mmCIF file of all heavy atoms, coordinates in Angstrom:
data_MODEL
# 
_entry.id   MODEL 
# 
loop_
_atom_site.group_PDB 
_atom_site.id 
_atom_site.type_symbol 
_atom_site.label_atom_id 
_atom_site.label_alt_id 
_atom_site.label_comp_id 
_atom_site.label_asym_id 
_atom_site.label_entity_id 
_atom_site.label_seq_id 
_atom_site.pdbx_PDB_ins_code 
_atom_site.Cartn_x 
_atom_site.Cartn_y 
_atom_site.Cartn_z 
_atom_site.occupancy 
_atom_site.B_iso_or_equiv 
_atom_site.pdbx_formal_charge 
_atom_site.auth_seq_id 
_atom_site.auth_comp_id 
_atom_site.auth_asym_id 
_atom_site.auth_atom_id 
_atom_site.pdbx_PDB_model_num 
ATOM 1   N N   . HIS A 1 1  ? -0.979  7.103  5.026   1.00 0.00 ? 1  HIS A N   1 
ATOM 2   C CA  . HIS A 1 1  ? 0.077   6.365  5.726   1.00 0.00 ? 1  HIS A CA  1 
ATOM 3   C C   . HIS A 1 1  ? 0.852   5.479  4.753   1.00 0.00 ? 1  HIS A C   1 
ATOM 4   O O   . HIS A 1 1  ? 2.075   5.362  4.846   1.00 0.00 ? 1  HIS A O   1 
ATOM 5   C CB  . HIS A 1 1  ? -0.507  5.517  6.846   1.00 0.00 ? 1  HIS A CB  1 
ATOM 6   C CG  . HIS A 1 1  ? -1.064  6.303  7.981   1.00 0.00 ? 1  HIS A CG  1 
ATOM 7   N ND1 . HIS A 1 1  ? -0.412  7.375  8.550   1.00 0.00 ? 1  HIS A ND1 1 
ATOM 8   C CD2 . HIS A 1 1  ? -2.227  6.175  8.675   1.00 0.00 ? 1  HIS A CD2 1 
ATOM 9   C CE1 . HIS A 1 1  ? -1.137  7.864  9.536   1.00 0.00 ? 1  HIS A CE1 1 
ATOM 10  N NE2 . HIS A 1 1  ? -2.255  7.163  9.623   1.00 0.00 ? 1  HIS A NE2 1 
ATOM 11  N N   . LEU A 1 2  ? 0.141   4.838  3.846   1.00 0.00 ? 2  LEU A N   1 
ATOM 12  C CA  . LEU A 1 2  ? 0.786   3.970  2.856   1.00 0.00 ? 2  LEU A CA  1 
ATOM 13  C C   . LEU A 1 2  ? 1.810   4.749  2.044   1.00 0.00 ? 2  LEU A C   1 
ATOM 14  O O   . LEU A 1 2  ? 2.943   4.293  1.844   1.00 0.00 ? 2  LEU A O   1 
ATOM 15  C CB  . LEU A 1 2  ? -0.264  3.347  1.931   1.00 0.00 ? 2  LEU A CB  1 
ATOM 16  C CG  . LEU A 1 2  ? 0.265   2.525  0.753   1.00 0.00 ? 2  LEU A CG  1 
ATOM 17  C CD1 . LEU A 1 2  ? 1.000   1.288  1.241   1.00 0.00 ? 2  LEU A CD1 1 
ATOM 18  C CD2 . LEU A 1 2  ? -0.872  2.137  -0.175  1.00 0.00 ? 2  LEU A CD2 1 
ATOM 19  N N   . ASN A 1 3  ? 1.444   5.939  1.598   1.00 0.00 ? 3  ASN A N   1 
ATOM 20  C CA  . ASN A 1 3  ? 2.379   6.775  0.838   1.00 0.00 ? 3  ASN A CA  1 
ATOM 21  C C   . ASN A 1 3  ? 3.616   7.106  1.661   1.00 0.00 ? 3  ASN A C   1 
ATOM 22  O O   . ASN A 1 3  ? 4.734   7.103  1.143   1.00 0.00 ? 3  ASN A O   1 
ATOM 23  C CB  . ASN A 1 3  ? 1.695   8.056  0.364   1.00 0.00 ? 3  ASN A CB  1 
ATOM 24  C CG  . ASN A 1 3  ? 0.913   7.848  -0.896  1.00 0.00 ? 3  ASN A CG  1 
ATOM 25  O OD1 . ASN A 1 3  ? 1.430   7.375  -1.889  1.00 0.00 ? 3  ASN A OD1 1 
ATOM 26  N ND2 . ASN A 1 3  ? -0.368  8.176  -0.860  1.00 0.00 ? 3  ASN A ND2 1 
ATOM 27  N N   . ALA A 1 4  ? 3.425   7.385  2.937   1.00 0.00 ? 4  ALA A N   1 
ATOM 28  C CA  . ALA A 1 4  ? 4.571   7.693  3.804   1.00 0.00 ? 4  ALA A CA  1 
ATOM 29  C C   . ALA A 1 4  ? 5.460   6.469  3.979   1.00 0.00 ? 4  ALA A C   1 
ATOM 30  O O   . ALA A 1 4  ? 6.697   6.574  3.934   1.00 0.00 ? 4  ALA A O   1 
ATOM 31  C CB  . ALA A 1 4  ? 4.080   8.192  5.163   1.00 0.00 ? 4  ALA A CB  1 
ATOM 32  N N   . PHE A 1 5  ? 4.867   5.305  4.167   1.00 0.00 ? 5  PHE A N   1 
ATOM 33  C CA  . PHE A 1 5  ? 5.654   4.095  4.392   1.00 0.00 ? 5  PHE A CA  1 
ATOM 34  C C   . PHE A 1 5  ? 6.448   3.662  3.157   1.00 0.00 ? 5  PHE A C   1 
ATOM 35  O O   . PHE A 1 5  ? 7.586   3.230  3.280   1.00 0.00 ? 5  PHE A O   1 
ATOM 36  C CB  . PHE A 1 5  ? 4.767   2.945  4.872   1.00 0.00 ? 5  PHE A CB  1 
ATOM 37  C CG  . PHE A 1 5  ? 4.429   3.016  6.332   1.00 0.00 ? 5  PHE A CG  1 
ATOM 38  C CD1 . PHE A 1 5  ? 3.113   2.995  6.750   1.00 0.00 ? 5  PHE A CD1 1 
ATOM 39  C CD2 . PHE A 1 5  ? 5.423   3.101  7.292   1.00 0.00 ? 5  PHE A CD2 1 
ATOM 40  C CE1 . PHE A 1 5  ? 2.791   3.058  8.098   1.00 0.00 ? 5  PHE A CE1 1 
ATOM 41  C CE2 . PHE A 1 5  ? 5.120   3.163  8.645   1.00 0.00 ? 5  PHE A CE2 1 
ATOM 42  C CZ  . PHE A 1 5  ? 3.803   3.142  9.047   1.00 0.00 ? 5  PHE A CZ  1 
ATOM 43  N N   . VAL A 1 6  ? 5.865   3.767  1.969   1.00 0.00 ? 6  VAL A N   1 
ATOM 44  C CA  . VAL A 1 6  ? 6.611   3.329  0.782   1.00 0.00 ? 6  VAL A CA  1 
ATOM 45  C C   . VAL A 1 6  ? 7.806   4.232  0.504   1.00 0.00 ? 6  VAL A C   1 
ATOM 46  O O   . VAL A 1 6  ? 8.786   3.791  -0.082  1.00 0.00 ? 6  VAL A O   1 
ATOM 47  C CB  . VAL A 1 6  ? 5.738   3.197  -0.493  1.00 0.00 ? 6  VAL A CB  1 
ATOM 48  C CG1 . VAL A 1 6  ? 4.709   2.117  -0.346  1.00 0.00 ? 6  VAL A CG1 1 
ATOM 49  C CG2 . VAL A 1 6  ? 5.132   4.493  -0.916  1.00 0.00 ? 6  VAL A CG2 1 
ATOM 50  N N   . HIS A 1 7  ? 7.739   5.479  0.950   1.00 0.00 ? 7  HIS A N   1 
ATOM 51  C CA  . HIS A 1 7  ? 8.856   6.399  0.751   1.00 0.00 ? 7  HIS A CA  1 
ATOM 52  C C   . HIS A 1 7  ? 9.899   6.312  1.866   1.00 0.00 ? 7  HIS A C   1 
ATOM 53  O O   . HIS A 1 7  ? 10.893  7.020  1.830   1.00 0.00 ? 7  HIS A O   1 
ATOM 54  C CB  . HIS A 1 7  ? 8.342   7.833  0.626   1.00 0.00 ? 7  HIS A CB  1 
ATOM 55  C CG  . HIS A 1 7  ? 7.596   8.063  -0.650  1.00 0.00 ? 7  HIS A CG  1 
ATOM 56  N ND1 . HIS A 1 7  ? 6.244   7.820  -0.763  1.00 0.00 ? 7  HIS A ND1 1 
ATOM 57  C CD2 . HIS A 1 7  ? 8.003   8.485  -1.860  1.00 0.00 ? 7  HIS A CD2 1 
ATOM 58  C CE1 . HIS A 1 7  ? 5.855   8.099  -2.001  1.00 0.00 ? 7  HIS A CE1 1 
ATOM 59  N NE2 . HIS A 1 7  ? 6.902   8.498  -2.690  1.00 0.00 ? 7  HIS A NE2 1 
ATOM 60  N N   . ASN A 1 8  ? 9.668   5.469  2.849   1.00 0.00 ? 8  ASN A N   1 
ATOM 61  C CA  . ASN A 1 8  ? 10.582  5.304  3.982   1.00 0.00 ? 8  ASN A CA  1 
ATOM 62  C C   . ASN A 1 8  ? 11.508  4.117  3.698   1.00 0.00 ? 8  ASN A C   1 
ATOM 63  O O   . ASN A 1 8  ? 11.048  2.987  3.555   1.00 0.00 ? 8  ASN A O   1 
ATOM 64  C CB  . ASN A 1 8  ? 9.765   5.065  5.259   1.00 0.00 ? 8  ASN A CB  1 
ATOM 65  C CG  . ASN A 1 8  ? 10.617  4.976  6.494   1.00 0.00 ? 8  ASN A CG  1 
ATOM 66  O OD1 . ASN A 1 8  ? 11.766  4.558  6.451   1.00 0.00 ? 8  ASN A OD1 1 
ATOM 67  N ND2 . ASN A 1 8  ? 10.047  5.361  7.612   1.00 0.00 ? 8  ASN A ND2 1 
ATOM 68  N N   . GLY A 1 9  ? 12.800  4.356  3.642   1.00 0.00 ? 9  GLY A N   1 
ATOM 69  C CA  . GLY A 1 9  ? 13.769  3.308  3.328   1.00 0.00 ? 9  GLY A CA  1 
ATOM 70  C C   . GLY A 1 9  ? 13.877  2.213  4.371   1.00 0.00 ? 9  GLY A C   1 
ATOM 71  O O   . GLY A 1 9  ? 14.427  1.150  4.107   1.00 0.00 ? 9  GLY A O   1 
ATOM 72  N N   . ASP A 1 10 ? 13.343  2.452  5.575   1.00 0.00 ? 10 ASP A N   1 
ATOM 73  C CA  . ASP A 1 10 ? 13.396  1.448  6.635   1.00 0.00 ? 10 ASP A CA  1 
ATOM 74  C C   . ASP A 1 10 ? 12.223  0.475  6.576   1.00 0.00 ? 10 ASP A C   1 
ATOM 75  O O   . ASP A 1 10 ? 12.144  -0.449 7.380   1.00 0.00 ? 10 ASP A O   1 
ATOM 76  C CB  . ASP A 1 10 ? 13.396  2.119  8.013   1.00 0.00 ? 10 ASP A CB  1 
ATOM 77  C CG  . ASP A 1 10 ? 14.659  2.926  8.256   1.00 0.00 ? 10 ASP A CG  1 
ATOM 78  O OD1 . ASP A 1 10 ? 15.701  2.597  7.657   1.00 0.00 ? 10 ASP A OD1 1 
ATOM 79  O OD2 . ASP A 1 10 ? 14.608  3.896  9.031   1.00 0.00 ? 10 ASP A OD2 1 
ATOM 80  N N   . VAL A 1 11 ? 11.302  0.703  5.644   1.00 0.00 ? 11 VAL A N   1 
ATOM 81  C CA  . VAL A 1 11 ? 10.087  -0.108 5.546   1.00 0.00 ? 11 VAL A CA  1 
ATOM 82  C C   . VAL A 1 11 ? 9.960   -0.661 4.133   1.00 0.00 ? 11 VAL A C   1 
ATOM 83  O O   . VAL A 1 11 ? 10.287  0.014  3.159   1.00 0.00 ? 11 VAL A O   1 
ATOM 84  C CB  . VAL A 1 11 ? 8.836   0.746  5.874   1.00 0.00 ? 11 VAL A CB  1 
ATOM 85  C CG1 . VAL A 1 11 ? 7.564   -0.063 5.713   1.00 0.00 ? 11 VAL A CG1 1 
ATOM 86  C CG2 . VAL A 1 11 ? 8.935   1.331  7.266   1.00 0.00 ? 11 VAL A CG2 1 
ATOM 87  N N   . LYS A 1 12 ? 9.458   -1.888 4.028   1.00 0.00 ? 12 LYS A N   1 
ATOM 88  C CA  . LYS A 1 12 ? 9.150   -2.476 2.720   1.00 0.00 ? 12 LYS A CA  1 
ATOM 89  C C   . LYS A 1 12 ? 7.709   -2.983 2.781   1.00 0.00 ? 12 LYS A C   1 
ATOM 90  O O   . LYS A 1 12 ? 7.397   -3.884 3.552   1.00 0.00 ? 12 LYS A O   1 
ATOM 91  C CB  . LYS A 1 12 ? 10.108  -3.631 2.448   1.00 0.00 ? 12 LYS A CB  1 
ATOM 92  C CG  . LYS A 1 12 ? 9.983   -4.231 1.088   1.00 0.00 ? 12 LYS A CG  1 
ATOM 93  C CD  . LYS A 1 12 ? 10.510  -3.295 0.028   1.00 0.00 ? 12 LYS A CD  1 
ATOM 94  C CE  . LYS A 1 12 ? 11.062  -4.067 -1.129  1.00 0.00 ? 12 LYS A CE  1 
ATOM 95  N NZ  . LYS A 1 12 ? 12.077  -3.377 -1.831  1.00 0.00 ? 12 LYS A NZ  1 
ATOM 96  N N   . VAL A 1 13 ? 6.818   -2.387 2.002   1.00 0.00 ? 13 VAL A N   1 
ATOM 97  C CA  . VAL A 1 13 ? 5.424   -2.805 1.964   1.00 0.00 ? 13 VAL A CA  1 
ATOM 98  C C   . VAL A 1 13 ? 5.326   -4.004 1.028   1.00 0.00 ? 13 VAL A C   1 
ATOM 99  O O   . VAL A 1 13 ? 5.656   -3.906 -0.150  1.00 0.00 ? 13 VAL A O   1 
ATOM 100 C CB  . VAL A 1 13 ? 4.495   -1.665 1.493   1.00 0.00 ? 13 VAL A CB  1 
ATOM 101 C CG1 . VAL A 1 13 ? 3.051   -2.146 1.429   1.00 0.00 ? 13 VAL A CG1 1 
ATOM 102 C CG2 . VAL A 1 13 ? 4.622   -0.452 2.412   1.00 0.00 ? 13 VAL A CG2 1 
ATOM 103 N N   . LEU A 1 14 ? 4.877   -5.139 1.572   1.00 0.00 ? 14 LEU A N   1 
ATOM 104 C CA  . LEU A 1 14 ? 4.806   -6.369 0.785   1.00 0.00 ? 14 LEU A CA  1 
ATOM 105 C C   . LEU A 1 14 ? 3.398   -6.704 0.316   1.00 0.00 ? 14 LEU A C   1 
ATOM 106 O O   . LEU A 1 14 ? 3.231   -7.413 -0.668  1.00 0.00 ? 14 LEU A O   1 
ATOM 107 C CB  . LEU A 1 14 ? 5.342   -7.554 1.595   1.00 0.00 ? 14 LEU A CB  1 
ATOM 108 C CG  . LEU A 1 14 ? 6.785   -7.483 2.060   1.00 0.00 ? 14 LEU A CG  1 
ATOM 109 C CD1 . LEU A 1 14 ? 7.151   -8.768 2.794   1.00 0.00 ? 14 LEU A CD1 1 
ATOM 110 C CD2 . LEU A 1 14 ? 7.727   -7.262 0.892   1.00 0.00 ? 14 LEU A CD2 1 
ATOM 111 N N   . ALA A 1 15 ? 2.374   -6.213 1.044   1.00 0.00 ? 15 ALA A N   1 
ATOM 112 C CA  . ALA A 1 15 ? 1.015   -6.608 0.697   1.00 0.00 ? 15 ALA A CA  1 
ATOM 113 C C   . ALA A 1 15 ? 0.014   -5.560 1.175   1.00 0.00 ? 15 ALA A C   1 
ATOM 114 O O   . ALA A 1 15 ? 0.257   -4.849 2.149   1.00 0.00 ? 15 ALA A O   1 
ATOM 115 C CB  . ALA A 1 15 ? 0.685   -7.959 1.327   1.00 0.00 ? 15 ALA A CB  1 
ATOM 116 N N   . VAL A 1 16 ? -1.105  -5.505 0.477   1.00 0.00 ? 16 VAL A N   1 
ATOM 117 C CA  . VAL A 1 16 ? -2.222  -4.650 0.862   1.00 0.00 ? 16 VAL A CA  1 
ATOM 118 C C   . VAL A 1 16 ? -3.489  -5.505 0.882   1.00 0.00 ? 16 VAL A C   1 
ATOM 119 O O   . VAL A 1 16 ? -3.557  -6.543 0.220   1.00 0.00 ? 16 VAL A O   1 
ATOM 120 C CB  . VAL A 1 16 ? -2.401  -3.448 -0.096  1.00 0.00 ? 16 VAL A CB  1 
ATOM 121 C CG1 . VAL A 1 16 ? -1.212  -2.514 -0.035  1.00 0.00 ? 16 VAL A CG1 1 
ATOM 122 C CG2 . VAL A 1 16 ? -2.642  -3.913 -1.527  1.00 0.00 ? 16 VAL A CG2 1 
ATOM 123 N N   . CYS A 1 17 ? -4.480  -5.045 1.637   1.00 0.00 ? 17 CYS A N   1 
ATOM 124 C CA  . CYS A 1 17 ? -5.730  -5.795 1.748   1.00 0.00 ? 17 CYS A CA  1 
ATOM 125 C C   . CYS A 1 17 ? -6.883  -4.812 1.892   1.00 0.00 ? 17 CYS A C   1 
ATOM 126 O O   . CYS A 1 17 ? -6.822  -3.889 2.708   1.00 0.00 ? 17 CYS A O   1 
ATOM 127 C CB  . CYS A 1 17 ? -5.650  -6.712 2.970   1.00 0.00 ? 17 CYS A CB  1 
ATOM 128 S SG  . CYS A 1 17 ? -7.180  -7.601 3.306   1.00 0.00 ? 17 CYS A SG  1 
ATOM 129 N N   . ASP A 1 18 ? -7.920  -5.018 1.110   1.00 0.00 ? 18 ASP A N   1 
ATOM 130 C CA  . ASP A 1 18 ? -9.145  -4.235 1.250   1.00 0.00 ? 18 ASP A CA  1 
ATOM 131 C C   . ASP A 1 18 ? -10.259 -4.994 0.536   1.00 0.00 ? 18 ASP A C   1 
ATOM 132 O O   . ASP A 1 18 ? -10.018 -5.622 -0.503  1.00 0.00 ? 18 ASP A O   1 
ATOM 133 C CB  . ASP A 1 18 ? -8.986  -2.838 0.644   1.00 0.00 ? 18 ASP A CB  1 
ATOM 134 C CG  . ASP A 1 18 ? -9.992  -1.851 1.210   1.00 0.00 ? 18 ASP A CG  1 
ATOM 135 O OD1 . ASP A 1 18 ? -11.210 -2.049 1.012   1.00 0.00 ? 18 ASP A OD1 1 
ATOM 136 O OD2 . ASP A 1 18 ? -9.559  -0.893 1.875   1.00 0.00 ? 18 ASP A OD2 1 
ATOM 137 N N   . VAL A 1 19 ? -11.461 -4.929 1.078   1.00 0.00 ? 19 VAL A N   1 
ATOM 138 C CA  . VAL A 1 19 ? -12.584 -5.602 0.430   1.00 0.00 ? 19 VAL A CA  1 
ATOM 139 C C   . VAL A 1 19 ? -13.059 -4.826 -0.796  1.00 0.00 ? 19 VAL A C   1 
ATOM 140 O O   . VAL A 1 19 ? -13.680 -5.406 -1.684  1.00 0.00 ? 19 VAL A O   1 
ATOM 141 C CB  . VAL A 1 19 ? -13.757 -5.835 1.415   1.00 0.00 ? 19 VAL A CB  1 
ATOM 142 C CG1 . VAL A 1 19 ? -13.344 -6.804 2.504   1.00 0.00 ? 19 VAL A CG1 1 
ATOM 143 C CG2 . VAL A 1 19 ? -14.247 -4.532 2.015   1.00 0.00 ? 19 VAL A CG2 1 
ATOM 144 N N   . ASP A 1 20 ? -12.760 -3.547 -0.847  1.00 0.00 ? 20 ASP A N   1 
ATOM 145 C CA  . ASP A 1 20 ? -13.137 -2.711 -1.993  1.00 0.00 ? 20 ASP A CA  1 
ATOM 146 C C   . ASP A 1 20 ? -12.089 -2.878 -3.088  1.00 0.00 ? 20 ASP A C   1 
ATOM 147 O O   . ASP A 1 20 ? -10.919 -2.541 -2.901  1.00 0.00 ? 20 ASP A O   1 
ATOM 148 C CB  . ASP A 1 20 ? -13.231 -1.248 -1.550  1.00 0.00 ? 20 ASP A CB  1 
ATOM 149 C CG  . ASP A 1 20 ? -13.686 -0.337 -2.678  1.00 0.00 ? 20 ASP A CG  1 
ATOM 150 O OD1 . ASP A 1 20 ? -12.865 -0.084 -3.593  1.00 0.00 ? 20 ASP A OD1 1 
ATOM 151 O OD2 . ASP A 1 20 ? -14.842 0.125  -2.636  1.00 0.00 ? 20 ASP A OD2 1 
ATOM 152 N N   . THR A 1 21 ? -12.506 -3.384 -4.222  1.00 0.00 ? 21 THR A N   1 
ATOM 153 C CA  . THR A 1 21 ? -11.581 -3.691 -5.313  1.00 0.00 ? 21 THR A CA  1 
ATOM 154 C C   . THR A 1 21 ? -10.825 -2.460 -5.793  1.00 0.00 ? 21 THR A C   1 
ATOM 155 O O   . THR A 1 21 ? -9.616  -2.514 -6.021  1.00 0.00 ? 21 THR A O   1 
ATOM 156 C CB  . THR A 1 21 ? -12.336 -4.330 -6.506  1.00 0.00 ? 21 THR A CB  1 
ATOM 157 O OG1 . THR A 1 21 ? -13.003 -5.491 -6.039  1.00 0.00 ? 21 THR A OG1 1 
ATOM 158 C CG2 . THR A 1 21 ? -11.382 -4.710 -7.622  1.00 0.00 ? 21 THR A CG2 1 
ATOM 159 N N   . THR A 1 22 ? -11.514 -1.340 -5.943  1.00 0.00 ? 22 THR A N   1 
ATOM 160 C CA  . THR A 1 22 ? -10.867 -0.123 -6.431  1.00 0.00 ? 22 THR A CA  1 
ATOM 161 C C   . THR A 1 22 ? -9.772  0.331  -5.480  1.00 0.00 ? 22 THR A C   1 
ATOM 162 O O   . THR A 1 22 ? -8.653  0.635  -5.900  1.00 0.00 ? 22 THR A O   1 
ATOM 163 C CB  . THR A 1 22 ? -11.911 1.000  -6.619  1.00 0.00 ? 22 THR A CB  1 
ATOM 164 O OG1 . THR A 1 22 ? -12.915 0.532  -7.521  1.00 0.00 ? 22 THR A OG1 1 
ATOM 165 C CG2 . THR A 1 22 ? -11.272 2.249  -7.181  1.00 0.00 ? 22 THR A CG2 1 
ATOM 166 N N   . ARG A 1 23 ? -10.082 0.372  -4.194  1.00 0.00 ? 23 ARG A N   1 
ATOM 167 C CA  . ARG A 1 23 ? -9.081  0.788  -3.204  1.00 0.00 ? 23 ARG A CA  1 
ATOM 168 C C   . ARG A 1 23 ? -7.903  -0.189 -3.157  1.00 0.00 ? 23 ARG A C   1 
ATOM 169 O O   . ARG A 1 23 ? -6.752  0.209  -3.056  1.00 0.00 ? 23 ARG A O   1 
ATOM 170 C CB  . ARG A 1 23 ? -9.704  0.896  -1.814  1.00 0.00 ? 23 ARG A CB  1 
ATOM 171 C CG  . ARG A 1 23 ? -10.606 2.089  -1.661  1.00 0.00 ? 23 ARG A CG  1 
ATOM 172 C CD  . ARG A 1 23 ? -11.169 2.160  -0.270  1.00 0.00 ? 23 ARG A CD  1 
ATOM 173 N NE  . ARG A 1 23 ? -11.925 3.396  -0.089  1.00 0.00 ? 23 ARG A NE  1 
ATOM 174 C CZ  . ARG A 1 23 ? -12.503 3.737  1.030   1.00 0.00 ? 23 ARG A CZ  1 
ATOM 175 N NH1 . ARG A 1 23 ? -12.426 2.958  2.091   1.00 0.00 ? 23 ARG A NH1 1 
ATOM 176 N NH2 . ARG A 1 23 ? -13.159 4.873  1.110   1.00 0.00 ? 23 ARG A NH2 1 
ATOM 177 N N   . ARG A 1 24 ? -8.217  -1.475 -3.183  1.00 0.00 ? 24 ARG A N   1 
ATOM 178 C CA  . ARG A 1 24 ? -7.178  -2.506 -3.128  1.00 0.00 ? 24 ARG A CA  1 
ATOM 179 C C   . ARG A 1 24 ? -6.219  -2.377 -4.314  1.00 0.00 ? 24 ARG A C   1 
ATOM 180 O O   . ARG A 1 24 ? -5.000  -2.360 -4.140  1.00 0.00 ? 24 ARG A O   1 
ATOM 181 C CB  . ARG A 1 24 ? -7.829  -3.894 -3.092  1.00 0.00 ? 24 ARG A CB  1 
ATOM 182 C CG  . ARG A 1 24 ? -6.848  -5.035 -2.981  1.00 0.00 ? 24 ARG A CG  1 
ATOM 183 C CD  . ARG A 1 24 ? -7.553  -6.396 -2.874  1.00 0.00 ? 24 ARG A CD  1 
ATOM 184 N NE  . ARG A 1 24 ? -8.385  -6.714 -4.022  1.00 0.00 ? 24 ARG A NE  1 
ATOM 185 C CZ  . ARG A 1 24 ? -9.720  -6.737 -4.020  1.00 0.00 ? 24 ARG A CZ  1 
ATOM 186 N NH1 . ARG A 1 24 ? -10.399 -6.455 -2.924  1.00 0.00 ? 24 ARG A NH1 1 
ATOM 187 N NH2 . ARG A 1 24 ? -10.382 -7.032 -5.114  1.00 0.00 ? 24 ARG A NH2 1 
ATOM 188 N N   . LEU A 1 25 ? -6.752  -2.281 -5.506  1.00 0.00 ? 25 LEU A N   1 
ATOM 189 C CA  . LEU A 1 25 ? -5.908  -2.211 -6.697  1.00 0.00 ? 25 LEU A CA  1 
ATOM 190 C C   . LEU A 1 25 ? -5.152  -0.888 -6.780  1.00 0.00 ? 25 LEU A C   1 
ATOM 191 O O   . LEU A 1 25 ? -4.013  -0.844 -7.253  1.00 0.00 ? 25 LEU A O   1 
ATOM 192 C CB  . LEU A 1 25 ? -6.745  -2.451 -7.950  1.00 0.00 ? 25 LEU A CB  1 
ATOM 193 C CG  . LEU A 1 25 ? -7.357  -3.857 -8.057  1.00 0.00 ? 25 LEU A CG  1 
ATOM 194 C CD1 . LEU A 1 25 ? -8.197  -3.978 -9.321  1.00 0.00 ? 25 LEU A CD1 1 
ATOM 195 C CD2 . LEU A 1 25 ? -6.300  -4.937 -7.988  1.00 0.00 ? 25 LEU A CD2 1 
ATOM 196 N N   . ASN A 1 26 ? -5.768  0.196  -6.308  1.00 0.00 ? 26 ASN A N   1 
ATOM 197 C CA  . ASN A 1 26 ? -5.094  1.486  -6.283  1.00 0.00 ? 26 ASN A CA  1 
ATOM 198 C C   . ASN A 1 26 ? -3.898  1.446  -5.323  1.00 0.00 ? 26 ASN A C   1 
ATOM 199 O O   . ASN A 1 26 ? -2.823  1.940  -5.640  1.00 0.00 ? 26 ASN A O   1 
ATOM 200 C CB  . ASN A 1 26 ? -6.072  2.591  -5.883  1.00 0.00 ? 26 ASN A CB  1 
ATOM 201 C CG  . ASN A 1 26 ? -5.448  3.967  -5.983  1.00 0.00 ? 26 ASN A CG  1 
ATOM 202 O OD1 . ASN A 1 26 ? -4.651  4.239  -6.872  1.00 0.00 ? 26 ASN A OD1 1 
ATOM 203 N ND2 . ASN A 1 26 ? -5.793  4.836  -5.051  1.00 0.00 ? 26 ASN A ND2 1 
ATOM 204 N N   . ALA A 1 27 ? -4.085  0.856  -4.156  1.00 0.00 ? 27 ALA A N   1 
ATOM 205 C CA  . ALA A 1 27 ? -2.985  0.742  -3.182  1.00 0.00 ? 27 ALA A CA  1 
ATOM 206 C C   . ALA A 1 27 ? -1.866  -0.126 -3.741  1.00 0.00 ? 27 ALA A C   1 
ATOM 207 O O   . ALA A 1 27 ? -0.676  0.198  -3.608  1.00 0.00 ? 27 ALA A O   1 
ATOM 208 C CB  . ALA A 1 27 ? -3.512  0.162  -1.871  1.00 0.00 ? 27 ALA A CB  1 
ATOM 209 N N   . LYS A 1 28 ? -2.220  -1.215 -4.382  1.00 0.00 ? 28 LYS A N   1 
ATOM 210 C CA  . LYS A 1 28 ? -1.225  -2.102 -5.006  1.00 0.00 ? 28 LYS A CA  1 
ATOM 211 C C   . LYS A 1 28 ? -0.414  -1.329 -6.049  1.00 0.00 ? 28 LYS A C   1 
ATOM 212 O O   . LYS A 1 28 ? 0.805   -1.432 -6.106  1.00 0.00 ? 28 LYS A O   1 
ATOM 213 C CB  . LYS A 1 28 ? -1.936  -3.297 -5.643  1.00 0.00 ? 28 LYS A CB  1 
ATOM 214 C CG  . LYS A 1 28 ? -1.034  -4.260 -6.391  1.00 0.00 ? 28 LYS A CG  1 
ATOM 215 C CD  . LYS A 1 28 ? -1.864  -5.398 -6.972  1.00 0.00 ? 28 LYS A CD  1 
ATOM 216 C CE  . LYS A 1 28 ? -1.116  -6.261 -7.947  1.00 0.00 ? 28 LYS A CE  1 
ATOM 217 N NZ  . LYS A 1 28 ? -0.096  -7.091 -7.372  1.00 0.00 ? 28 LYS A NZ  1 
ATOM 218 N N   . LYS A 1 29 ? -1.097  -0.508 -6.829  1.00 0.00 ? 29 LYS A N   1 
ATOM 219 C CA  . LYS A 1 29 ? -0.428  0.291  -7.859  1.00 0.00 ? 29 LYS A CA  1 
ATOM 220 C C   . LYS A 1 29 ? 0.529   1.309  -7.237  1.00 0.00 ? 29 LYS A C   1 
ATOM 221 O O   . LYS A 1 29 ? 1.645   1.505  -7.728  1.00 0.00 ? 29 LYS A O   1 
ATOM 222 C CB  . LYS A 1 29 ? -1.459  0.985  -8.747  1.00 0.00 ? 29 LYS A CB  1 
ATOM 223 C CG  . LYS A 1 29 ? -0.851  1.782  -9.894  1.00 0.00 ? 29 LYS A CG  1 
ATOM 224 C CD  . LYS A 1 29 ? -1.926  2.359  -10.777 1.00 0.00 ? 29 LYS A CD  1 
ATOM 225 C CE  . LYS A 1 29 ? -1.445  3.197  -11.926 1.00 0.00 ? 29 LYS A CE  1 
ATOM 226 N NZ  . LYS A 1 29 ? -0.085  3.534  -12.047 1.00 0.00 ? 29 LYS A NZ  1 
# 
């Protein structure tokens, strides 16, 4: 879903949250 949202011009992803450091940093990247 994150990949779909960042490619959608009507949406701006400002923040991500996850307790798993690897997942959190990967999503941020």
